[in-house]
Amino acid sequence: MIGLKEIAEMTGVSVSTVSNVLNGRKNVSQETRDRILKCCEEQGYVHEAAGKKKPLERTRRIVFIFSDFDRDFYLKIIEGVSTCLTENGYDLVICTNKSSDSFLRSSFARGTISLDGSLTDEFLHTVAKPEFPVVLMDRIVDKGHANARSVIVDNYPAMCELVQALVDRGFRKFGFLGGLSHTLDNQERFAGFADTLQKNGILFDQKNYYHGNYREKSGYQAGKLMFLGNDLPEVLVCANDNMAIGAIKALEERGVKVPEQVSVTGFDDSDTAALAGLTTISIPRYESGYLAAKELLEMIHGSEGSSTIKISAAVKWRKTVREGLQ
């Protein structure tokens, strides 16, 4: 067990100095006081005073956790998170799922924002506590969980808008390139796609559903399969930009012209998508990060609010979709 003696040894001061700091006495320099409090915080030491255990004032530190370095849209989300936290005097720590266990505890930080599909709901439920609230950006939290909220993209209506516009342009033969099937993003994006086709009386053949993992390489492989199957769609709707760009590369390497022969759309509006002229659905990533941080700070300060906040997205038309079919 860590005690006053151990804290004193770690910080190079006397036991009485540690005691003075923990009891709020003013006869210690600010530099020494800060060093002792930081050591107590790092060691998870709780001081017993006046017959009652009182936790030290916890750090003003927030953890942002994600799993995939390949998706450049994280950068804008992190920028939004960082701006909000900086404005409110909090620090930001960024980590991946491989190191998350070390950081997701109240002795290290005040809370976390998670955009990591590899973390299970069960794990996140054990992490979220009154002293360590959680904001999820990749799934909807259980309504009964008071220590967690969700800030997510409203995928379904945006995908419905895109697909309806494609139908209105005359497209009838569709392909869909999905991401990881267990993710909320993929489920909602495919639901919007399939429901809109059904609404318009267009039959979608499941053989034209191609599986990917949100990375460009998986889109490239899907593009090759599409070509080898000798059954190209008029338009390929992709669950994210990376896969769309990979599919375009594979098709064009094999002499298929985009959009003259196959139109392609993405989702996210990454910087790479803009450079490639990809028609996509634009997510306000900076704003979503800022809002997620704002929600987390409100939870830390004890406010109650909606368990789920959905952020609107909008279609960005560019050159990878034909104006219409003859």
Protein backbone atom coordinates (compact mmCIF):
# COMPACT_ATOMS: atom_id res chain seq x y z
CA MET A 1 0.00 0.00 0.00
CA ILE A 2 1.20 3.51 -0.83
CA GLY A 3 1.41 5.77 2.22
CA LEU A 4 2.81 9.15 3.23
CA LYS A 5 6.28 7.68 3.66
CA GLU A 6 6.39 6.29 0.13
CA ILE A 7 5.06 9.56 -1.35
CA ALA A 8 7.72 11.47 0.59
CA GLU A 9 10.49 9.18 -0.73
CA MET A 10 9.26 9.48 -4.31
CA THR A 11 9.14 13.27 -4.18
CA GLY A 12 12.27 13.82 -2.09
CA VAL A 13 10.58 15.64 0.78
CA SER A 14 9.75 14.88 4.40
CA VAL A 15 6.64 13.05 5.56
CA SER A 16 5.53 16.21 7.35
CA THR A 17 5.75 18.20 4.10
CA VAL A 18 3.54 15.66 2.33
CA SER A 19 1.09 15.83 5.23
CA ASN A 20 1.03 19.64 5.13
CA VAL A 21 0.20 19.60 1.41
CA LEU A 22 -2.55 16.99 1.74
CA ASN A 23 -4.11 18.83 4.65
CA GLY A 24 -4.22 22.10 2.72
CA ARG A 25 -1.65 24.02 4.74
CA LYS A 26 -0.01 26.95 2.97
CA ASN A 27 3.55 26.59 4.31
CA VAL A 28 4.81 24.70 1.23
CA SER A 29 5.98 26.22 -2.05
CA GLN A 30 3.71 25.85 -5.07
CA GLU A 31 6.36 23.89 -6.97
CA THR A 32 6.70 21.32 -4.17
CA ARG A 33 2.94 21.19 -3.70
CA ASP A 34 2.39 20.47 -7.41
CA ARG A 35 5.05 17.74 -7.37
CA ILE A 36 3.49 15.98 -4.39
CA LEU A 37 -0.06 16.19 -5.74
CA LYS A 38 1.05 14.86 -9.11
CA CYS A 39 2.81 11.92 -7.45
CA CYS A 40 -0.28 11.12 -5.35
CA GLU A 41 -2.45 11.27 -8.44
CA GLU A 42 -0.17 8.97 -10.45
CA GLN A 43 0.01 6.46 -7.59
CA GLY A 44 -3.74 6.56 -6.93
CA TYR A 45 -3.15 7.63 -3.34
CA VAL A 46 -6.23 8.79 -1.39
CA HIS A 47 -5.61 10.85 1.75
CA GLU A 48 -7.71 10.22 4.86
CA ALA A 49 -8.51 13.48 6.60
CA ALA A 50 -10.96 14.36 9.38
CA GLY A 51 -11.99 10.69 9.62
CA LYS A 52 -13.20 10.64 6.04
CA LYS A 53 -11.53 9.61 2.81
CA LYS A 54 -11.46 12.37 0.25
CA PRO A 55 -10.05 11.91 -3.24
CA LEU A 56 -7.46 14.38 -4.38
CA GLU A 57 -8.59 16.79 -7.02
CA ARG A 58 -8.25 14.70 -10.15
CA THR A 59 -6.35 15.60 -13.25
CA ARG A 60 -7.81 17.75 -16.00
CA ARG A 61 -6.88 15.14 -18.58
CA ILE A 62 -9.07 13.49 -21.25
CA VAL A 63 -8.25 10.37 -23.27
CA PHE A 64 -9.22 10.01 -26.95
CA ILE A 65 -9.00 6.39 -28.09
CA PHE A 66 -9.18 5.00 -31.62
CA SER A 67 -8.04 1.90 -33.46
CA ASP A 68 -7.21 2.70 -37.06
CA PHE A 69 -4.37 4.95 -38.19
CA ASP A 70 -5.32 4.51 -41.85
CA ARG A 71 -8.32 6.84 -41.85
CA ASP A 72 -7.16 10.44 -42.16
CA PHE A 73 -10.50 11.87 -41.05
CA TYR A 74 -9.45 11.20 -37.43
CA LEU A 75 -7.19 14.23 -37.61
CA LYS A 76 -10.05 16.72 -37.92
CA ILE A 77 -12.04 15.00 -35.20
CA ILE A 78 -9.03 15.18 -32.89
CA GLU A 79 -8.58 18.85 -33.77
CA GLY A 80 -12.17 19.55 -32.73
CA VAL A 81 -11.75 17.60 -29.49
CA SER A 82 -8.49 19.39 -28.72
CA THR A 83 -9.92 22.85 -29.36
CA CYS A 84 -12.83 22.32 -26.98
CA LEU A 85 -10.64 20.83 -24.26
CA THR A 86 -8.03 23.59 -24.56
CA GLU A 87 -10.73 26.26 -24.27
CA ASN A 88 -11.83 24.64 -21.01
CA GLY A 89 -8.39 24.05 -19.50
CA TYR A 90 -8.15 20.31 -20.13
CA ASP A 91 -5.31 18.30 -21.66
CA LEU A 92 -5.73 15.65 -24.36
CA VAL A 93 -4.06 12.24 -24.46
CA ILE A 94 -4.42 10.18 -27.65
CA CYS A 95 -4.00 6.41 -27.62
CA THR A 96 -4.98 3.24 -29.46
CA ASN A 97 -6.76 0.16 -28.21
CA LYS A 98 -3.44 -1.62 -27.62
CA SER A 99 -2.59 0.75 -24.79
CA SER A 100 -6.07 1.77 -23.67
CA ASP A 101 -6.16 -0.36 -20.51
CA SER A 102 -3.40 1.78 -19.03
CA PHE A 103 -5.31 5.02 -19.55
CA LEU A 104 -9.01 4.24 -19.08
CA ARG A 105 -9.20 4.75 -15.34
CA SER A 106 -10.14 7.66 -13.13
CA SER A 107 -6.73 7.83 -11.46
CA PHE A 108 -5.23 8.80 -14.84
CA ALA A 109 -7.92 10.91 -16.51
CA ARG A 110 -11.36 12.45 -16.00
CA GLY A 111 -13.02 10.66 -18.89
CA THR A 112 -12.64 9.31 -22.40
CA ILE A 113 -13.93 9.78 -25.95
CA SER A 114 -13.90 6.49 -27.85
CA LEU A 115 -13.90 5.91 -31.60
CA ASP A 116 -12.63 2.35 -31.43
CA GLY A 117 -14.76 -0.41 -32.90
CA SER A 118 -12.53 -3.10 -31.40
CA LEU A 119 -13.64 -2.27 -27.85
CA THR A 120 -16.66 -4.30 -26.77
CA ASP A 121 -19.81 -2.83 -25.27
CA GLU A 122 -19.18 -4.90 -22.14
CA PHE A 123 -15.72 -3.42 -21.68
CA LEU A 124 -16.93 0.14 -22.17
CA HIS A 125 -19.76 -0.42 -19.69
CA THR A 126 -17.24 -1.45 -17.05
CA VAL A 127 -15.10 1.59 -17.82
CA ALA A 128 -17.91 4.19 -17.66
CA LYS A 129 -18.42 5.35 -14.09
CA PRO A 130 -19.63 8.54 -12.39
CA GLU A 131 -16.00 9.55 -11.82
CA PHE A 132 -14.99 8.50 -15.36
CA PRO A 133 -17.71 9.26 -17.96
CA VAL A 134 -17.46 8.06 -21.56
CA VAL A 135 -18.56 9.51 -24.91
CA LEU A 136 -18.83 7.03 -27.78
CA MET A 137 -18.51 8.14 -31.40
CA ASP A 138 -19.02 4.77 -33.12
CA ARG A 139 -22.12 3.28 -31.50
CA ILE A 140 -25.30 4.06 -29.61
CA VAL A 141 -25.04 3.65 -25.87
CA ASP A 142 -27.67 1.83 -23.84
CA LYS A 143 -30.35 4.31 -22.76
CA GLY A 144 -30.08 3.23 -19.15
CA HIS A 145 -26.37 3.97 -18.85
CA ALA A 146 -26.10 7.31 -17.05
CA ASN A 147 -22.31 7.53 -17.36
CA ALA A 148 -22.06 7.29 -21.15
CA ARG A 149 -23.37 9.24 -24.13
CA SER A 150 -23.13 8.83 -27.89
CA VAL A 151 -22.22 11.45 -30.49
CA ILE A 152 -22.61 9.78 -33.89
CA VAL A 153 -23.19 10.56 -37.55
CA ASP A 154 -26.79 10.36 -38.75
CA ASN A 155 -25.88 7.94 -41.54
CA TYR A 156 -29.28 6.72 -42.65
CA PRO A 157 -30.95 9.89 -44.01
CA ALA A 158 -27.75 11.03 -45.73
CA MET A 159 -27.42 7.70 -47.55
CA CYS A 160 -31.11 7.77 -48.47
CA GLU A 161 -30.62 11.23 -49.99
CA LEU A 162 -27.61 10.09 -52.02
CA VAL A 163 -29.23 6.93 -53.38
CA GLN A 164 -32.51 8.67 -54.21
CA ALA A 165 -30.59 11.27 -56.20
CA LEU A 166 -28.79 8.46 -58.07
CA VAL A 167 -32.12 6.83 -58.87
CA ASP A 168 -33.44 10.18 -60.08
CA ARG A 169 -30.45 10.42 -62.41
CA GLY A 170 -31.49 7.16 -64.03
CA PHE A 171 -29.26 4.59 -62.31
CA ARG A 172 -30.87 1.19 -61.86
CA LYS A 173 -28.04 -1.32 -61.49
CA PHE A 174 -26.32 -0.77 -58.14
CA GLY A 175 -23.36 -2.28 -56.33
CA PHE A 176 -22.57 -1.76 -52.66
CA LEU A 177 -19.13 -1.96 -51.07
CA GLY A 178 -19.56 -2.37 -47.32
CA GLY A 179 -17.21 -1.94 -44.40
CA LEU A 180 -16.98 -4.10 -41.29
CA SER A 181 -20.43 -5.64 -40.94
CA HIS A 182 -20.65 -5.29 -37.15
CA THR A 183 -20.15 -1.52 -37.13
CA LEU A 184 -23.08 0.84 -36.72
CA ASP A 185 -21.84 3.01 -39.59
CA ASN A 186 -21.96 0.15 -42.07
CA GLN A 187 -25.31 -1.13 -40.84
CA GLU A 188 -27.00 2.26 -41.10
CA ARG A 189 -25.39 3.13 -44.44
CA PHE A 190 -26.46 -0.15 -46.02
CA ALA A 191 -29.95 0.17 -44.53
CA GLY A 192 -30.35 3.61 -46.12
CA PHE A 193 -29.07 2.21 -49.44
CA ALA A 194 -31.31 -0.88 -49.45
CA ASP A 195 -34.44 0.86 -48.18
CA THR A 196 -34.22 3.57 -50.82
CA LEU A 197 -33.84 1.04 -53.64
CA GLN A 198 -36.81 -0.92 -52.31
CA LYS A 199 -38.87 2.26 -52.06
CA ASN A 200 -38.20 2.85 -55.76
CA GLY A 201 -39.01 -0.74 -56.76
CA ILE A 202 -35.39 -1.56 -57.63
CA LEU A 203 -34.26 -5.10 -56.80
CA PHE A 204 -30.78 -5.30 -55.29
CA ASP A 205 -28.97 -8.56 -55.99
CA GLN A 206 -26.88 -9.62 -52.97
CA LYS A 207 -24.16 -10.86 -55.29
CA ASN A 208 -23.45 -7.17 -55.90
CA TYR A 209 -22.67 -6.64 -52.19
CA TYR A 210 -18.89 -6.56 -51.79
CA HIS A 211 -17.24 -6.85 -48.38
CA GLY A 212 -14.43 -4.57 -47.24
CA ASN A 213 -12.89 -3.32 -44.01
CA TYR A 214 -12.86 0.47 -44.61
CA ARG A 215 -9.27 0.39 -45.89
CA GLU A 216 -8.24 1.28 -49.42
CA LYS A 217 -6.73 -2.15 -50.07
CA SER A 218 -10.07 -3.87 -49.46
CA GLY A 219 -11.72 -1.51 -51.96
CA TYR A 220 -9.01 -2.33 -54.48
CA GLN A 221 -9.67 -6.07 -54.05
CA ALA A 222 -13.42 -5.52 -54.44
CA GLY A 223 -12.81 -3.57 -57.66
CA LYS A 224 -10.80 -6.49 -59.05
CA LEU A 225 -13.54 -8.97 -58.13
CA MET A 226 -16.12 -6.76 -59.79
CA PHE A 227 -14.15 -6.70 -63.02
CA LEU A 228 -13.40 -10.43 -63.01
CA GLY A 229 -17.08 -11.19 -62.42
CA ASN A 230 -17.83 -9.46 -65.72
CA ASP A 231 -20.98 -7.91 -64.22
CA LEU A 232 -20.18 -4.28 -63.52
CA PRO A 233 -22.80 -2.10 -61.83
CA GLU A 234 -23.82 1.26 -63.25
CA VAL A 235 -22.93 2.83 -59.92
CA LEU A 236 -20.94 1.52 -56.95
CA VAL A 237 -21.97 2.98 -53.59
CA CYS A 238 -19.19 2.60 -51.01
CA ALA A 239 -19.46 2.76 -47.22
CA ASN A 240 -16.40 5.03 -47.00
CA ASP A 241 -13.99 7.05 -49.13
CA ASN A 242 -10.93 4.84 -48.72
CA MET A 243 -12.67 1.82 -50.21
CA ALA A 244 -14.15 3.93 -53.00
CA ILE A 245 -10.71 5.20 -53.99
CA GLY A 246 -9.30 1.68 -53.91
CA ALA A 247 -12.12 0.41 -56.13
CA ILE A 248 -11.59 3.25 -58.62
CA LYS A 249 -7.88 2.40 -58.87
CA ALA A 250 -8.62 -1.27 -59.55
CA LEU A 251 -11.25 -0.50 -62.19
CA GLU A 252 -9.18 2.11 -64.00
CA GLU A 253 -6.12 -0.21 -64.05
CA ARG A 254 -8.29 -2.64 -66.00
CA GLY A 255 -9.49 -0.05 -68.47
CA VAL A 256 -12.87 0.69 -66.89
CA LYS A 257 -13.60 4.41 -67.10
CA VAL A 258 -15.00 6.24 -64.06
CA PRO A 259 -17.62 7.68 -64.31
CA GLU A 260 -18.31 6.96 -67.98
CA GLN A 261 -18.73 3.20 -67.43
CA VAL A 262 -19.09 2.96 -63.65
CA SER A 263 -19.95 5.80 -61.30
CA VAL A 264 -18.57 5.60 -57.75
CA THR A 265 -19.52 7.27 -54.47
CA GLY A 266 -17.95 7.30 -51.01
CA PHE A 267 -18.77 8.43 -47.49
CA ASP A 268 -16.77 10.69 -45.08
CA ASP A 269 -15.38 13.43 -47.39
CA SER A 270 -11.73 12.89 -46.55
CA ASP A 271 -9.02 15.16 -47.93
CA THR A 272 -8.04 12.36 -50.33
CA ALA A 273 -11.61 12.20 -51.60
CA ALA A 274 -11.60 15.90 -52.40
CA LEU A 275 -8.32 15.55 -54.32
CA ALA A 276 -9.69 12.58 -56.25
CA GLY A 277 -12.93 14.39 -57.14
CA LEU A 278 -14.95 11.69 -55.42
CA THR A 279 -18.68 12.17 -54.95
CA THR A 280 -19.25 11.47 -51.27
CA ILE A 281 -21.19 12.32 -48.13
CA SER A 282 -19.53 14.99 -46.05
CA ILE A 283 -19.30 14.58 -42.27
CA PRO A 284 -18.55 17.70 -40.18
CA ARG A 285 -15.65 15.94 -38.46
CA TYR A 286 -14.18 18.93 -36.63
CA GLU A 287 -17.59 19.88 -35.28
CA SER A 288 -18.35 16.29 -34.23
CA GLY A 289 -15.10 16.13 -32.26
CA TYR A 290 -15.79 19.47 -30.62
CA LEU A 291 -19.32 18.40 -29.68
CA ALA A 292 -18.11 15.05 -28.27
CA ALA A 293 -15.64 16.89 -26.03
CA LYS A 294 -18.32 19.37 -24.97
CA GLU A 295 -20.69 16.54 -24.01
CA LEU A 296 -17.96 14.82 -22.00
CA LEU A 297 -17.15 18.00 -20.07
CA GLU A 298 -20.82 18.50 -19.28
CA MET A 299 -20.97 14.98 -17.86
CA ILE A 300 -17.85 15.61 -15.78
CA HIS A 301 -19.52 18.72 -14.35
CA GLY A 302 -22.64 16.75 -13.47
CA SER A 303 -25.13 17.83 -16.10
CA GLU A 304 -27.71 15.47 -17.60
CA GLY A 305 -28.67 15.32 -21.24
CA SER A 306 -29.72 13.11 -24.13
CA SER A 307 -27.95 9.76 -24.32
CA THR A 308 -27.54 10.07 -28.11
CA ILE A 309 -26.76 13.06 -30.32
CA LYS A 310 -26.84 12.57 -34.10
CA ILE A 311 -24.88 14.83 -36.43
CA SER A 312 -26.21 15.62 -39.90
CA ALA A 313 -24.21 14.84 -43.03
CA ALA A 314 -24.61 16.17 -46.60
CA VAL A 315 -23.98 14.89 -50.13
CA LYS A 316 -21.01 16.39 -52.00
CA TRP A 317 -21.37 15.91 -55.75
CA ARG A 318 -18.12 15.66 -57.69
CA LYS A 319 -16.84 14.13 -60.90
CA THR A 320 -17.06 10.36 -60.15
CA VAL A 321 -20.80 10.28 -60.85
CA ARG A 322 -22.34 10.82 -64.28
CA GLU A 323 -24.98 13.49 -64.60
CA GLY A 324 -27.48 10.91 -65.81
CA LEU A 325 -28.00 7.82 -67.93
CA GLN A 326 -29.45 7.88 -71.40
